[in-house]
N, C-alpha and C. Protein backbone atom coordinates (compact mmCIF):
# COMPACT_ATOMS: atom_id res chain seq x y z
N LEU A 1 102.74 171.33 106.05
CA LEU A 1 101.83 171.09 104.60
C LEU A 1 103.40 171.09 104.41
N TYR A 2 103.50 171.49 104.24
CA TYR A 2 105.07 172.31 103.70
C TYR A 2 106.41 170.90 103.31
N GLU A 3 106.29 169.66 103.95
CA GLU A 3 106.60 169.13 103.26
C GLU A 3 106.17 168.20 102.09
N LEU A 4 104.95 167.81 102.03
CA LEU A 4 104.31 167.67 100.79
C LEU A 4 104.31 168.51 99.67
N GLY A 5 104.92 169.92 99.51
CA GLY A 5 105.67 171.15 99.00
C GLY A 5 104.85 171.88 98.35
N MET A 6 103.30 171.60 99.11
CA MET A 6 102.61 173.35 99.31
C MET A 6 103.04 174.44 99.62
N THR A 7 104.19 175.06 99.49
CA THR A 7 104.68 175.71 99.97
C THR A 7 104.25 177.30 99.29
N GLY A 8 103.42 177.50 98.86
CA GLY A 8 102.49 178.50 98.62
C GLY A 8 101.03 178.90 99.13
N ILE A 9 101.26 178.06 100.00
CA ILE A 9 99.99 177.83 100.83
C ILE A 9 100.64 178.56 102.62
N PRO A 10 99.77 179.96 103.21
CA PRO A 10 100.41 179.93 104.16
C PRO A 10 99.86 179.87 105.45
N ILE A 11 100.67 179.31 106.23
CA ILE A 11 99.99 178.34 107.35
C ILE A 11 100.07 179.74 108.79
N VAL A 12 100.16 179.39 109.89
CA VAL A 12 99.48 179.31 110.86
C VAL A 12 99.88 178.86 112.00
N ASN A 13 100.64 179.06 113.13
CA ASN A 13 100.40 178.33 114.70
C ASN A 13 99.97 179.27 115.15
N VAL A 14 99.55 178.13 116.27
CA VAL A 14 98.93 178.79 117.56
C VAL A 14 99.30 177.90 118.02
N ASN A 15 99.75 178.33 119.38
CA ASN A 15 99.43 176.79 120.24
C ASN A 15 99.34 178.41 121.20
N ASN A 16 97.97 177.50 122.50
CA ASN A 16 97.65 178.72 123.91
C ASN A 16 96.44 177.73 124.76
N ASN A 17 96.92 176.86 124.68
CA ASN A 17 96.78 175.42 125.49
C ASN A 17 95.12 175.31 125.53
N CYS A 18 94.37 175.06 126.17
CA CYS A 18 93.00 174.88 125.98
C CYS A 18 92.47 175.29 124.75
N SER A 19 92.44 176.09 124.00
CA SER A 19 91.93 176.54 123.12
C SER A 19 91.93 176.89 121.40
N THR A 20 92.76 176.07 121.42
CA THR A 20 93.90 175.96 120.74
C THR A 20 93.25 175.82 118.93
N GLY A 21 92.55 174.60 118.93
CA GLY A 21 91.72 174.66 117.72
C GLY A 21 90.29 175.94 118.00
N SER A 22 89.76 175.84 118.96
CA SER A 22 88.55 177.12 118.75
C SER A 22 89.93 178.74 118.52
N THR A 23 91.04 179.44 118.86
CA THR A 23 91.05 179.88 117.72
C THR A 23 91.96 179.51 116.27
N ALA A 24 92.22 178.30 116.05
CA ALA A 24 92.31 178.28 114.58
C ALA A 24 91.49 179.08 114.01
N LEU A 25 90.30 178.02 114.24
CA LEU A 25 88.38 179.00 113.81
C LEU A 25 88.04 180.46 114.29
N TYR A 26 88.94 180.85 114.67
CA TYR A 26 88.41 182.56 114.37
C TYR A 26 89.32 182.33 113.33
N LEU A 27 90.96 182.32 113.43
CA LEU A 27 91.36 183.26 113.28
C LEU A 27 91.58 182.76 111.55
N GLY A 28 90.78 181.51 111.54
CA GLY A 28 90.31 181.28 109.71
C GLY A 28 89.26 181.87 109.40
N ALA A 29 88.03 182.44 110.23
CA ALA A 29 86.85 182.55 109.83
C ALA A 29 86.99 184.37 109.52
N GLN A 30 88.22 183.99 110.90
CA GLN A 30 88.71 186.02 110.32
C GLN A 30 89.62 186.47 108.90
N SER A 31 90.48 185.43 108.74
CA SER A 31 91.24 185.52 107.45
C SER A 31 89.33 185.16 105.84
N ILE A 32 88.86 184.98 106.66
CA ILE A 32 88.17 184.66 105.23
C ILE A 32 86.92 186.47 104.78
N ARG A 33 86.23 186.30 106.62
CA ARG A 33 85.60 187.76 106.40
C ARG A 33 86.17 188.87 105.94
N GLY A 34 87.87 188.31 106.40
CA GLY A 34 88.76 189.43 105.65
C GLY A 34 88.73 190.13 103.88
N GLY A 35 88.40 188.91 103.83
CA GLY A 35 89.25 189.16 102.79
C GLY A 35 90.86 188.36 101.62
N LEU A 36 90.93 187.44 103.32
CA LEU A 36 92.02 187.43 102.84
C LEU A 36 92.63 185.92 102.24
N ALA A 37 91.65 185.47 102.67
CA ALA A 37 91.76 183.22 102.06
C ALA A 37 89.68 183.05 101.77
N ASP A 38 89.64 182.14 100.98
CA ASP A 38 88.27 181.91 99.94
C ASP A 38 88.14 180.23 100.93
N CYS A 39 88.96 180.05 101.21
CA CYS A 39 88.82 178.59 102.47
C CYS A 39 89.88 178.59 102.69
N VAL A 40 90.31 177.90 104.39
CA VAL A 40 90.74 177.69 105.08
C VAL A 40 90.75 176.09 105.75
N LEU A 41 91.77 175.27 106.42
CA LEU A 41 92.18 174.44 107.42
C LEU A 41 91.98 174.32 108.71
N ALA A 42 91.45 175.11 109.38
CA ALA A 42 91.31 174.70 110.55
C ALA A 42 91.49 173.58 111.46
N LEU A 43 92.72 172.82 112.08
CA LEU A 43 92.91 172.24 112.74
C LEU A 43 93.57 172.67 114.02
N GLY A 44 93.20 171.74 115.51
CA GLY A 44 93.23 171.95 116.77
C GLY A 44 93.82 170.61 117.54
N PHE A 45 94.71 170.77 117.84
CA PHE A 45 95.04 169.28 119.58
C PHE A 45 95.74 170.13 120.70
N GLU A 46 95.26 169.71 121.45
CA GLU A 46 96.41 169.69 122.40
C GLU A 46 97.47 168.53 122.64
N LYS A 47 98.25 168.55 123.04
CA LYS A 47 99.63 167.83 123.73
C LYS A 47 99.42 168.03 125.27
N MET A 48 99.20 166.47 125.50
CA MET A 48 100.01 167.22 127.62
C MET A 48 99.94 165.89 127.70
N GLN A 49 101.00 165.82 128.80
CA GLN A 49 101.43 165.38 129.81
C GLN A 49 101.08 163.72 130.25
N PRO A 50 102.15 162.75 130.77
CA PRO A 50 100.23 162.32 130.54
C PRO A 50 100.16 162.51 132.46
N GLY A 51 99.66 161.88 132.87
CA GLY A 51 98.62 162.14 134.17
C GLY A 51 97.88 164.01 134.44
N SER A 52 98.57 164.73 132.84
CA SER A 52 97.80 166.36 133.46
C SER A 52 97.10 166.19 133.81
N LEU A 53 96.07 165.36 133.83
CA LEU A 53 94.34 165.19 134.47
C LEU A 53 93.95 164.92 135.79
N GLY A 54 95.16 163.79 136.23
CA GLY A 54 95.00 163.17 136.67
C GLY A 54 93.91 161.73 137.51
N GLY A 55 93.38 161.73 138.55
CA GLY A 55 92.34 160.90 138.89
C GLY A 55 90.68 160.27 138.85
N GLY A 56 91.35 161.38 138.94
CA GLY A 56 89.74 161.87 139.46
C GLY A 56 89.46 161.75 141.56
N ALA A 57 88.83 162.38 141.28
CA ALA A 57 88.14 162.01 143.29
C ALA A 57 88.41 160.67 144.19
N ASP A 58 88.74 161.36 144.97
CA ASP A 58 89.36 159.86 146.12
C ASP A 58 88.56 160.18 147.37
N ASP A 59 86.85 160.29 146.83
CA ASP A 59 85.93 160.44 147.75
C ASP A 59 84.83 159.27 147.55
N ARG A 60 85.00 159.22 145.42
CA ARG A 60 84.11 158.36 144.68
C ARG A 60 83.93 157.21 144.17
N GLU A 61 83.57 156.54 143.54
CA GLU A 61 84.04 155.56 142.16
C GLU A 61 83.99 156.02 141.42
N SER A 62 85.13 156.07 140.24
CA SER A 62 85.51 156.11 139.06
C SER A 62 83.85 156.30 138.01
N PRO A 63 83.57 156.68 137.29
CA PRO A 63 82.39 156.73 136.87
C PRO A 63 82.84 155.43 135.31
N LEU A 64 83.72 155.16 135.63
CA LEU A 64 84.89 154.01 134.64
C LEU A 64 84.37 152.85 134.89
N LYS A 65 84.28 152.84 136.08
CA LYS A 65 85.30 152.09 136.51
C LYS A 65 85.05 150.11 136.72
N ARG A 66 83.30 150.31 135.97
CA ARG A 66 82.43 148.99 134.81
C ARG A 66 83.50 148.49 133.38
N HIS A 67 83.36 150.17 133.14
CA HIS A 67 83.90 150.21 131.91
C HIS A 67 85.39 149.38 132.46
N ILE A 68 85.77 150.05 133.08
CA ILE A 68 86.89 149.29 133.09
C ILE A 68 88.09 148.72 133.49
N LEU A 69 86.65 147.08 134.06
CA LEU A 69 86.81 145.93 135.17
C LEU A 69 86.34 145.26 133.73
N ALA A 70 85.84 145.43 132.64
CA ALA A 70 84.92 144.60 131.49
C ALA A 70 86.48 144.53 131.00
N LEU A 71 86.90 145.88 130.20
CA LEU A 71 88.03 145.30 130.13
C LEU A 71 89.20 144.70 130.23
N ASN A 72 89.66 145.27 131.28
CA ASN A 72 90.33 144.34 132.43
C ASN A 72 90.00 142.48 132.35
N GLU A 73 88.59 142.70 132.32
CA GLU A 73 88.03 140.62 131.81
C GLU A 73 89.05 140.55 130.31
N ILE A 74 88.41 140.93 129.49
CA ILE A 74 88.23 140.89 127.91
C ILE A 74 89.55 140.50 127.39
N ASP A 75 90.99 141.77 127.59
CA ASP A 75 92.51 141.54 127.92
C ASP A 75 93.50 141.68 128.72
N ALA A 76 94.46 140.74 128.10
CA ALA A 76 94.99 140.44 129.41
C ALA A 76 95.87 142.18 130.05
N MET A 77 95.78 143.13 129.60
CA MET A 77 96.18 144.57 130.16
C MET A 77 95.47 145.35 131.11
N GLN A 78 96.00 145.52 131.41
CA GLN A 78 95.84 146.00 132.88
C GLN A 78 95.21 147.77 133.64
N PHE A 79 94.64 148.06 132.91
CA PHE A 79 93.79 150.20 133.35
C PHE A 79 93.58 149.61 135.47
N PRO A 80 93.89 151.02 135.08
CA PRO A 80 94.18 151.91 136.55
C PRO A 80 93.08 151.79 136.22
N VAL A 81 91.70 151.31 137.90
CA VAL A 81 90.96 151.87 137.73
C VAL A 81 90.31 152.83 139.23
């Protein structure tokens, strides 16, 4: 928001892995409860590296296999099964 010229607004950045969004929500609620703000905007997202979650279990078929195969038939793009 600083790039948009909204410099009078306090901004807090948090990054704590899988709970960034809930931490932002908690801090926003605390600001309202404490009288520091009348209104807050809380956002969260996770920046993950490709392959962070892995491909799933090796001992069974992927639950998305039928969906992925259908996508492969519709488009020339090949998705991993």
